Structures are given as structure tokens and as C-alpha cells.
Amino acid sequence: IVFSSKRKHLLLMLMSMEFIILSLYMMIFMFLSMFDYEFYFSMLFLVFCVCESVLGLSILVFLIRTHGNDYFFSMNLC
């Protein structure tokens, strides 16, 4: 809730979510390398992160085409 109230543009929200996911990926990678586990989970996590970012960008393009801007509060998404 605080995450969405501090950002006005949807693009800034998507970028900050990607930085959060990147830091989470680095923590998972460091944890797996510290205990000598396999890195298959980190690759699977990375694939899901890429799919999530592509979905977010496609929603952003759709909203800009329909509404003309990416202001988060000007859209009635409910």
C-alpha cells in the first residue's frame, strides 16, 4: 500500500519493483552459493522475473495507448 502511494507513474513503480526483485535474486544467489546448493531455483526465479517484467511493460503500453499517460492515480482500475 505504501509502495503504490509514493509513486505517481506506473513506470516508476515497475522500475522500483524490478530493483526489489533484483536484490531478492542477489540474496537468493548468495544464499545458494554459501551452502553449495544447486542454482536451478535461481534460474527458475529469474525466468519468472523476466515474465513478470514483460507482463508489466505490456500493461504499461496498453494503459498509455488507452489513457494517454501513465499516471497511476488518474486511472480508475477498480
PDB file of N, CA and C in Angstrom:
ATOM      1  N   ILE A   1       0.844  -1.187   0.000  1.00  0.00           N
ATOM      2  CA  ILE A   1       0.000   0.000   0.000  1.00  0.00           C
ATOM      3  C   ILE A   1       0.880   1.237   0.000  1.00  0.00           C
ATOM      4  N   VAL A   2       1.903   1.248   0.827  1.00  0.00           N
ATOM      5  CA  VAL A   2       2.827   2.385   0.848  1.00  0.00           C
ATOM      6  C   VAL A   2       3.601   2.441  -0.457  1.00  0.00           C
ATOM      7  N   PHE A   3       3.875   1.284  -1.019  1.00  0.00           N
ATOM      8  CA  PHE A   3       4.607   1.216  -2.278  1.00  0.00           C
ATOM      9  C   PHE A   3       3.865   1.950  -3.389  1.00  0.00           C
ATOM     10  N   SER A   4       2.558   1.766  -3.476  1.00  0.00           N
ATOM     11  CA  SER A   4       1.795   2.408  -4.539  1.00  0.00           C
ATOM     12  C   SER A   4       1.446   3.857  -4.227  1.00  0.00           C
ATOM     13  N   SER A   5       1.459   4.250  -2.966  1.00  0.00           N
ATOM     14  CA  SER A   5       1.089   5.627  -2.644  1.00  0.00           C
ATOM     15  C   SER A   5       2.248   6.602  -2.816  1.00  0.00           C
ATOM     16  N   LYS A   6       3.471   6.117  -2.878  1.00  0.00           N
ATOM     17  CA  LYS A   6       4.623   7.008  -3.021  1.00  0.00           C
ATOM     18  C   LYS A   6       4.977   7.289  -4.474  1.00  0.00           C
ATOM     19  N   ARG A   7       4.465   6.517  -5.390  1.00  0.00           N
ATOM     20  CA  ARG A   7       4.808   6.678  -6.798  1.00  0.00           C
ATOM     21  C   ARG A   7       3.609   7.208  -7.571  1.00  0.00           C
ATOM     22  N   LYS A   8       3.873   8.129  -8.506  1.00  0.00           N
ATOM     23  CA  LYS A   8       2.794   8.666  -9.324  1.00  0.00           C
ATOM     24  C   LYS A   8       2.701   7.956 -10.668  1.00  0.00           C
ATOM     25  N   HIS A   9       3.825   7.614 -11.232  1.00  0.00           N
ATOM     26  CA  HIS A   9       3.848   7.000 -12.552  1.00  0.00           C
ATOM     27  C   HIS A   9       3.961   5.486 -12.430  1.00  0.00           C
ATOM     28  N   LEU A  10       3.280   4.801 -13.307  1.00  0.00           N
ATOM     29  CA  LEU A  10       3.328   3.343 -13.319  1.00  0.00           C
ATOM     30  C   LEU A  10       4.711   2.845 -13.710  1.00  0.00           C
ATOM     31  N   LEU A  11       5.407   3.564 -14.575  1.00  0.00           N
ATOM     32  CA  LEU A  11       6.749   3.154 -14.982  1.00  0.00           C
ATOM     33  C   LEU A  11       7.714   3.193 -13.805  1.00  0.00           C
ATOM     34  N   LEU A  12       7.615   4.204 -12.949  1.00  0.00           N
ATOM     35  CA  LEU A  12       8.472   4.262 -11.764  1.00  0.00           C
ATOM     36  C   LEU A  12       8.160   3.136 -10.796  1.00  0.00           C
ATOM     37  N   MET A  13       6.893   2.770 -10.702  1.00  0.00           N
ATOM     38  CA  MET A  13       6.528   1.648  -9.840  1.00  0.00           C
ATOM     39  C   MET A  13       7.109   0.349 -10.371  1.00  0.00           C
ATOM     40  N   LEU A  14       7.052   0.151 -11.680  1.00  0.00           N
ATOM     41  CA  LEU A  14       7.607  -1.064 -12.265  1.00  0.00           C
ATOM     42  C   LEU A  14       9.121  -1.122 -12.105  1.00  0.00           C
ATOM     43  N   MET A  15       9.785   0.016 -12.260  1.00  0.00           N
ATOM     44  CA  MET A  15      11.238   0.036 -12.098  1.00  0.00           C
ATOM     45  C   MET A  15      11.646  -0.249 -10.664  1.00  0.00           C
ATOM     46  N   SER A  16      10.933   0.299  -9.702  1.00  0.00           N
ATOM     47  CA  SER A  16      11.285   0.029  -8.309  1.00  0.00           C
ATOM     48  C   SER A  16      10.987  -1.418  -7.939  1.00  0.00           C
ATOM     49  N   MET A  17       9.937  -2.005  -8.514  1.00  0.00           N
ATOM     50  CA  MET A  17       9.687  -3.429  -8.274  1.00  0.00           C
ATOM     51  C   MET A  17      10.790  -4.288  -8.872  1.00  0.00           C
ATOM     52  N   GLU A  18      11.326  -3.892 -10.020  1.00  0.00           N
ATOM     53  CA  GLU A  18      12.426  -4.643 -10.617  1.00  0.00           C
ATOM     54  C   GLU A  18      13.685  -4.562  -9.761  1.00  0.00           C
ATOM     55  N   PHE A  19      13.939  -3.416  -9.149  1.00  0.00           N
ATOM     56  CA  PHE A  19      15.094  -3.319  -8.253  1.00  0.00           C
ATOM     57  C   PHE A  19      14.900  -4.173  -7.004  1.00  0.00           C
ATOM     58  N   ILE A  20      13.675  -4.255  -6.515  1.00  0.00           N
ATOM     59  CA  ILE A  20      13.389  -5.124  -5.368  1.00  0.00           C
ATOM     60  C   ILE A  20      13.610  -6.581  -5.750  1.00  0.00           C
ATOM     61  N   ILE A  21      13.149  -6.969  -6.930  1.00  0.00           N
ATOM     62  CA  ILE A  21      13.326  -8.344  -7.391  1.00  0.00           C
ATOM     63  C   ILE A  21      14.796  -8.645  -7.631  1.00  0.00           C
ATOM     64  N   LEU A  22      15.541  -7.679  -8.148  1.00  0.00           N
ATOM     65  CA  LEU A  22      16.969  -7.885  -8.366  1.00  0.00           C
ATOM     66  C   LEU A  22      17.718  -8.083  -7.056  1.00  0.00           C
ATOM     67  N   SER A  23      17.375  -7.317  -6.041  1.00  0.00           N
ATOM     68  CA  SER A  23      18.029  -7.507  -4.742  1.00  0.00           C
ATOM     69  C   SER A  23      17.634  -8.838  -4.116  1.00  0.00           C
ATOM     70  N   LEU A  24      16.389  -9.254  -4.300  1.00  0.00           N
ATOM     71  CA  LEU A  24      15.959 -10.564  -3.812  1.00  0.00           C
ATOM     72  C   LEU A  24      16.685 -11.679  -4.549  1.00  0.00           C
ATOM     73  N   TYR A  25      16.894 -11.521  -5.849  1.00  0.00           N
ATOM     74  CA  TYR A  25      17.649 -12.511  -6.621  1.00  0.00           C
ATOM     75  C   TYR A  25      19.092 -12.608  -6.132  1.00  0.00           C
ATOM     76  N   MET A  26      19.695 -11.474  -5.840  1.00  0.00           N
ATOM     77  CA  MET A  26      21.075 -11.499  -5.336  1.00  0.00           C
ATOM     78  C   MET A  26      21.156 -12.187  -3.977  1.00  0.00           C
ATOM     79  N   MET A  27      20.172 -11.969  -3.117  1.00  0.00           N
ATOM     80  CA  MET A  27      20.169 -12.647  -1.816  1.00  0.00           C
ATOM     81  C   MET A  27      19.990 -14.152  -1.980  1.00  0.00           C
ATOM     82  N   ILE A  28      19.118 -14.568  -2.883  1.00  0.00           N
ATOM     83  CA  ILE A  28      18.933 -15.999  -3.134  1.00  0.00           C
ATOM     84  C   ILE A  28      20.207 -16.607  -3.698  1.00  0.00           C
ATOM     85  N   PHE A  29      20.841 -15.912  -4.631  1.00  0.00           N
ATOM     86  CA  PHE A  29      22.073 -16.412  -5.232  1.00  0.00           C
ATOM     87  C   PHE A  29      23.180 -16.536  -4.196  1.00  0.00           C
ATOM     88  N   MET A  30      23.311 -15.550  -3.324  1.00  0.00           N
ATOM     89  CA  MET A  30      24.342 -15.619  -2.280  1.00  0.00           C
ATOM     90  C   MET A  30      24.041 -16.726  -1.276  1.00  0.00           C
ATOM     91  N   PHE A  31      22.778 -16.909  -0.941  1.00  0.00           N
ATOM     92  CA  PHE A  31      22.400 -17.980  -0.023  1.00  0.00           C
ATOM     93  C   PHE A  31      22.702 -19.348  -0.625  1.00  0.00           C
ATOM     94  N   LEU A  32      22.363 -19.527  -1.901  1.00  0.00           N
ATOM     95  CA  LEU A  32      22.615 -20.813  -2.545  1.00  0.00           C
ATOM     96  C   LEU A  32      24.100 -21.084  -2.717  1.00  0.00           C
ATOM     97  N   SER A  33      24.878 -20.062  -3.002  1.00  0.00           N
ATOM     98  CA  SER A  33      26.319 -20.275  -3.154  1.00  0.00           C
ATOM     99  C   SER A  33      27.009 -20.478  -1.813  1.00  0.00           C
ATOM    100  N   MET A  34      26.467 -19.918  -0.752  1.00  0.00           N
ATOM    101  CA  MET A  34      27.072 -20.082   0.566  1.00  0.00           C
ATOM    102  C   MET A  34      26.930 -21.520   1.067  1.00  0.00           C
ATOM    103  N   PHE A  35      25.810 -22.145   0.766  1.00  0.00           N
ATOM    104  CA  PHE A  35      25.567 -23.504   1.244  1.00  0.00           C
ATOM    105  C   PHE A  35      25.772 -24.561   0.165  1.00  0.00           C
ATOM    106  N   ASP A  36      26.363 -24.189  -0.945  1.00  0.00           N
ATOM    107  CA  ASP A  36      26.693 -25.096  -2.053  1.00  0.00           C
ATOM    108  C   ASP A  36      25.486 -25.863  -2.585  1.00  0.00           C
ATOM    109  N   TYR A  37      24.386 -25.158  -2.760  1.00  0.00           N
ATOM    110  CA  TYR A  37      23.201 -25.764  -3.361  1.00  0.00           C
ATOM    111  C   TYR A  37      23.246 -25.577  -4.873  1.00  0.00           C
ATOM    112  N   GLU A  38      22.326 -26.229  -5.536  1.00  0.00           N
ATOM    113  CA  GLU A  38      22.211 -26.082  -6.982  1.00  0.00           C
ATOM    114  C   GLU A  38      21.580 -24.724  -7.310  1.00  0.00           C
ATOM    115  N   PHE A  39      21.878 -24.229  -8.488  1.00  0.00           N
ATOM    116  CA  PHE A  39      21.395 -22.915  -8.892  1.00  0.00           C
ATOM    117  C   PHE A  39      20.172 -22.994  -9.807  1.00  0.00           C
ATOM    118  N   TYR A  40      19.513 -24.146  -9.843  1.00  0.00           N
ATOM    119  CA  TYR A  40      18.328 -24.281 -10.689  1.00  0.00           C
ATOM    120  C   TYR A  40      17.195 -23.388 -10.195  1.00  0.00           C
ATOM    121  N   PHE A  41      17.062 -23.263  -8.894  1.00  0.00           N
ATOM    122  CA  PHE A  41      16.000 -22.408  -8.358  1.00  0.00           C
ATOM    123  C   PHE A  41      16.233 -20.954  -8.730  1.00  0.00           C
ATOM    124  N   SER A  42      17.486 -20.523  -8.717  1.00  0.00           N
ATOM    125  CA  SER A  42      17.752 -19.128  -9.076  1.00  0.00           C
ATOM    126  C   SER A  42      17.455 -18.873 -10.549  1.00  0.00           C
ATOM    127  N   MET A  43      17.719 -19.851 -11.406  1.00  0.00           N
ATOM    128  CA  MET A  43      17.386 -19.685 -12.819  1.00  0.00           C
ATOM    129  C   MET A  43      15.871 -19.679 -13.032  1.00  0.00           C
ATOM    130  N   LEU A  44      15.161 -20.519 -12.302  1.00  0.00           N
ATOM    131  CA  LEU A  44      13.705 -20.527 -12.388  1.00  0.00           C
ATOM    132  C   LEU A  44      13.126 -19.205 -11.882  1.00  0.00           C
ATOM    133  N   PHE A  45      13.685 -18.686 -10.802  1.00  0.00           N
ATOM    134  CA  PHE A  45      13.253 -17.396 -10.271  1.00  0.00           C
ATOM    135  C   PHE A  45      13.516 -16.286 -11.280  1.00  0.00           C
ATOM    136  N   LEU A  46      14.657 -16.346 -11.946  1.00  0.00           N
ATOM    137  CA  LEU A  46      14.994 -15.339 -12.942  1.00  0.00           C
ATOM    138  C   LEU A  46      14.041 -15.397 -14.140  1.00  0.00           C
ATOM    139  N   VAL A  47      13.651 -16.590 -14.547  1.00  0.00           N
ATOM    140  CA  VAL A  47      12.701 -16.736 -15.654  1.00  0.00           C
ATOM    141  C   VAL A  47      11.349 -16.140 -15.286  1.00  0.00           C
ATOM    142  N   PHE A  48      10.881 -16.405 -14.066  1.00  0.00           N
ATOM    143  CA  PHE A  48       9.607 -15.831 -13.637  1.00  0.00           C
ATOM    144  C   PHE A  48       9.693 -14.312 -13.503  1.00  0.00           C
ATOM    145  N   CYS A  49      10.837 -13.800 -13.108  1.00  0.00           N
ATOM    146  CA  CYS A  49      11.001 -12.343 -13.010  1.00  0.00           C
ATOM    147  C   CYS A  49      10.948 -11.690 -14.385  1.00  0.00           C
ATOM    148  N   VAL A  50      11.548 -12.331 -15.367  1.00  0.00           N
ATOM    149  CA  VAL A  50      11.505 -11.793 -16.727  1.00  0.00           C
ATOM    150  C   VAL A  50      10.075 -11.812 -17.262  1.00  0.00           C
ATOM    151  N   CYS A  51       9.349 -12.892 -16.998  1.00  0.00           N
ATOM    152  CA  CYS A  51       7.945 -12.961 -17.433  1.00  0.00           C
ATOM    153  C   CYS A  51       7.107 -11.885 -16.752  1.00  0.00           C
ATOM    154  N   GLU A  52       7.378 -11.635 -15.480  1.00  0.00           N
ATOM    155  CA  GLU A  52       6.644 -10.597 -14.747  1.00  0.00           C
ATOM    156  C   GLU A  52       6.943  -9.215 -15.309  1.00  0.00           C
ATOM    157  N   SER A  53       8.193  -8.967 -15.660  1.00  0.00           N
ATOM    158  CA  SER A  53       8.533  -7.644 -16.187  1.00  0.00           C
ATOM    159  C   SER A  53       7.953  -7.435 -17.582  1.00  0.00           C
ATOM    160  N   VAL A  54       7.915  -8.473 -18.395  1.00  0.00           N
ATOM    161  CA  VAL A  54       7.302  -8.356 -19.721  1.00  0.00           C
ATOM    162  C   VAL A  54       5.808  -8.101 -19.596  1.00  0.00           C
ATOM    163  N   LEU A  55       5.157  -8.769 -18.671  1.00  0.00           N
ATOM    164  CA  LEU A  55       3.731  -8.542 -18.441  1.00  0.00           C
ATOM    165  C   LEU A  55       3.480  -7.115 -17.953  1.00  0.00           C
ATOM    166  N   GLY A  56       4.331  -6.611 -17.061  1.00  0.00           N
ATOM    167  CA  GLY A  56       4.182  -5.243 -16.577  1.00  0.00           C
ATOM    168  C   GLY A  56       4.370  -4.217 -17.676  1.00  0.00           C
ATOM    169  N   LEU A  57       5.356  -4.436 -18.544  1.00  0.00           N
ATOM    170  CA  LEU A  57       5.569  -3.497 -19.648  1.00  0.00           C
ATOM    171  C   LEU A  57       4.433  -3.546 -20.661  1.00  0.00           C
ATOM    172  N   SER A  58       3.876  -4.722 -20.893  1.00  0.00           N
ATOM    173  CA  SER A  58       2.748  -4.790 -21.824  1.00  0.00           C
ATOM    174  C   SER A  58       1.514  -4.106 -21.248  1.00  0.00           C
ATOM    175  N   ILE A  59       1.297  -4.215 -19.951  1.00  0.00           N
ATOM    176  CA  ILE A  59       0.193  -3.485 -19.315  1.00  0.00           C
ATOM    177  C   ILE A  59       0.444  -1.982 -19.384  1.00  0.00           C
ATOM    178  N   LEU A  60       1.693  -1.562 -19.208  1.00  0.00           N
ATOM    179  CA  LEU A  60       2.035  -0.147 -19.304  1.00  0.00           C
ATOM    180  C   LEU A  60       1.759   0.388 -20.703  1.00  0.00           C
ATOM    181  N   VAL A  61       2.150  -0.349 -21.729  1.00  0.00           N
ATOM    182  CA  VAL A  61       1.903   0.085 -23.108  1.00  0.00           C
ATOM    183  C   VAL A  61       0.405   0.151 -23.391  1.00  0.00           C
ATOM    184  N   PHE A  62      -0.344  -0.826 -22.900  1.00  0.00           N
ATOM    185  CA  PHE A  62      -1.799  -0.821 -23.094  1.00  0.00           C
ATOM    186  C   PHE A  62      -2.440   0.386 -22.413  1.00  0.00           C
ATOM    187  N   LEU A  63      -2.024   0.690 -21.181  1.00  0.00           N
ATOM    188  CA  LEU A  63      -2.619   1.819 -20.466  1.00  0.00           C
ATOM    189  C   LEU A  63      -2.245   3.152 -21.094  1.00  0.00           C
ATOM    190  N   ILE A  64      -1.038   3.269 -21.619  1.00  0.00           N
ATOM    191  CA  ILE A  64      -0.649   4.515 -22.286  1.00  0.00           C
ATOM    192  C   ILE A  64      -1.434   4.683 -23.583  1.00  0.00           C
ATOM    193  N   ARG A  65      -1.669   3.586 -24.286  1.00  0.00           N
ATOM    194  CA  ARG A  65      -2.454   3.687 -25.524  1.00  0.00           C
ATOM    195  C   ARG A  65      -3.909   4.039 -25.255  1.00  0.00           C
ATOM    196  N   THR A  66      -4.478   3.520 -24.174  1.00  0.00           N
ATOM    197  CA  THR A  66      -5.897   3.787 -23.921  1.00  0.00           C
ATOM    198  C   THR A  66      -6.131   5.089 -23.172  1.00  0.00           C
ATOM    199  N   HIS A  67      -5.266   5.425 -22.210  1.00  0.00           N
ATOM    200  CA  HIS A  67      -5.483   6.613 -21.381  1.00  0.00           C
ATOM    201  C   HIS A  67      -4.610   7.801 -21.775  1.00  0.00           C
ATOM    202  N   GLY A  68      -3.529   7.575 -22.491  1.00  0.00           N
ATOM    203  CA  GLY A  68      -2.682   8.666 -22.936  1.00  0.00           C
ATOM    204  C   GLY A  68      -1.576   9.040 -21.978  1.00  0.00           C
ATOM    205  N   ASN A  69      -1.575   8.500 -20.763  1.00  0.00           N
ATOM    206  CA  ASN A  69      -0.499   8.779 -19.811  1.00  0.00           C
ATOM    207  C   ASN A  69      -0.339   7.574 -18.899  1.00  0.00           C
ATOM    208  N   ASP A  70       0.686   7.647 -18.046  1.00  0.00           N
ATOM    209  CA  ASP A  70       0.906   6.536 -17.120  1.00  0.00           C
ATOM    210  C   ASP A  70       0.780   6.986 -15.672  1.00  0.00           C
ATOM    211  N   TYR A  71      -0.015   8.038 -15.451  1.00  0.00           N
ATOM    212  CA  TYR A  71      -0.274   8.445 -14.073  1.00  0.00           C
ATOM    213  C   TYR A  71      -1.114   7.375 -13.390  1.00  0.00           C
ATOM    214  N   PHE A  72      -0.655   6.933 -12.248  1.00  0.00           N
ATOM    215  CA  PHE A  72      -1.309   5.816 -11.575  1.00  0.00           C
ATOM    216  C   PHE A  72      -2.651   6.213 -10.992  1.00  0.00           C
ATOM    217  N   PHE A  73      -2.760   7.433 -10.469  1.00  0.00           N
ATOM    218  CA  PHE A  73      -3.988   7.839  -9.788  1.00  0.00           C
ATOM    219  C   PHE A  73      -5.047   8.380 -10.745  1.00  0.00           C
ATOM    220  N   SER A  74      -4.712   8.640 -11.997  1.00  0.00           N
ATOM    221  CA  SER A  74      -5.717   9.138 -12.931  1.00  0.00           C
ATOM    222  C   SER A  74      -6.528   8.013 -13.556  1.00  0.00           C
ATOM    223  N   MET A  75      -6.109   6.776 -13.350  1.00  0.00           N
ATOM    224  CA  MET A  75      -6.821   5.632 -13.911  1.00  0.00           C
ATOM    225  C   MET A  75      -7.712   5.007 -12.855  1.00  0.00           C
ATOM    226  N   ASN A  76      -8.905   4.697 -13.233  1.00  0.00           N
ATOM    227  CA  ASN A  76      -9.817   4.003 -12.335  1.00  0.00           C
ATOM    228  C   ASN A  76      -9.720   2.518 -12.650  1.00  0.00           C
ATOM    229  N   LEU A  77      -8.867   1.810 -11.917  1.00  0.00           N
ATOM    230  CA  LEU A  77      -8.616   0.407 -12.209  1.00  0.00           C
ATOM    231  C   LEU A  77      -9.520  -0.525 -11.431  1.00  0.00           C
ATOM    232  N   CYS A  78     -10.410   0.005 -10.624  1.00  0.00           N
ATOM    233  CA  CYS A  78     -11.289  -0.859  -9.823  1.00  0.00           C
ATOM    234  C   CYS A  78     -12.456  -1.372 -10.616  1.00  0.00           C
TER     235      CYS A  78
END
